């Protein structure tokens, strides 16, 4: 009788433990950043191969979590091949159910948006990828806030869905990578920082140079000196040139930083995180001028005379 009682107690404890493990595993996620991945599950794959694939893609922390969960729930004999749009925020429970139920994502397309692209260039890529229709236009007021990244969009999406996904990503990345203290302590507002970042994005490439250029530009604004950014001229004309003529720099536009003081009225592209950080964190130097040599090196100058000498040396 006593042995029977102990056996029952053991069974209760055992299954309670299993239930607890299942509950914990159902809540386990690999990351909390919400990174989307379009994963292809090949025909004939079992829980071991699928678990390894999910682990390799950063969607779960351990393949054994998936293997064990699929075995406990009996999913391992019902896993279906196909492409699945998964998210690193998803629980193992949700991922396993999707693959078991065959919730495939055949209508999704992967699109990469590089840093510094204008809304127009983004439109062209999304239209070419079948995400947007030929007549679709991204709203001008969202330029600067459509975060450059890799996305998975459903074909024939609406502009509203695309804009929401990209602007939500912008706010998420700003929240993750730029501390509140930096925004609070900074003398500029985020919208101005995004405008500045869009200029920096097109002017220089390296993070080290970007914070110096940021310092130069903010100092010019403070001292009522035009920014004289070729990036703004390229934006106005819609043409990239090695050098712009005097006539080019006289073009009438509120975005012309040769003829207008301060920042342009809005961003000239959609900058990446590096440029935004540089705009918010300028480095103080004695420099007032800079240019990009033919090999991409940034040449800094303290005086106009020194700058003109460098122009003759590196550009002419």
Foldseek 3Di string as FASTA:
>chain_A
DVVVVVVVVVVVVVVVVVVVLLVVQQQAFQDQLFDKDWDWFDPPDFLQVVLVSCCVVSGGVGSVSLVVNCVVVVLRVQFATAIAIDTRNGGSVVVSVCRSVVVHQVQKDKDFFDFLAAQVVVVVRCCVRQQDPPPDGADPQCFQQQAGGIDIGGGHHHNVVSSCVRNVSSVSCCPVPPDPVLCVPFPDHLQLLSQQLSLLQPAADDLVVLLALLQLQVVCLVVQHQSQGVLLLCLVVVDDDLDDDPVSLPDDDLSRSNPDHDTRPGHSHHHHPSSSVSNSRHDDDLFNDWHAAPVRDIDTDNDPVVVVVVCVVRPD
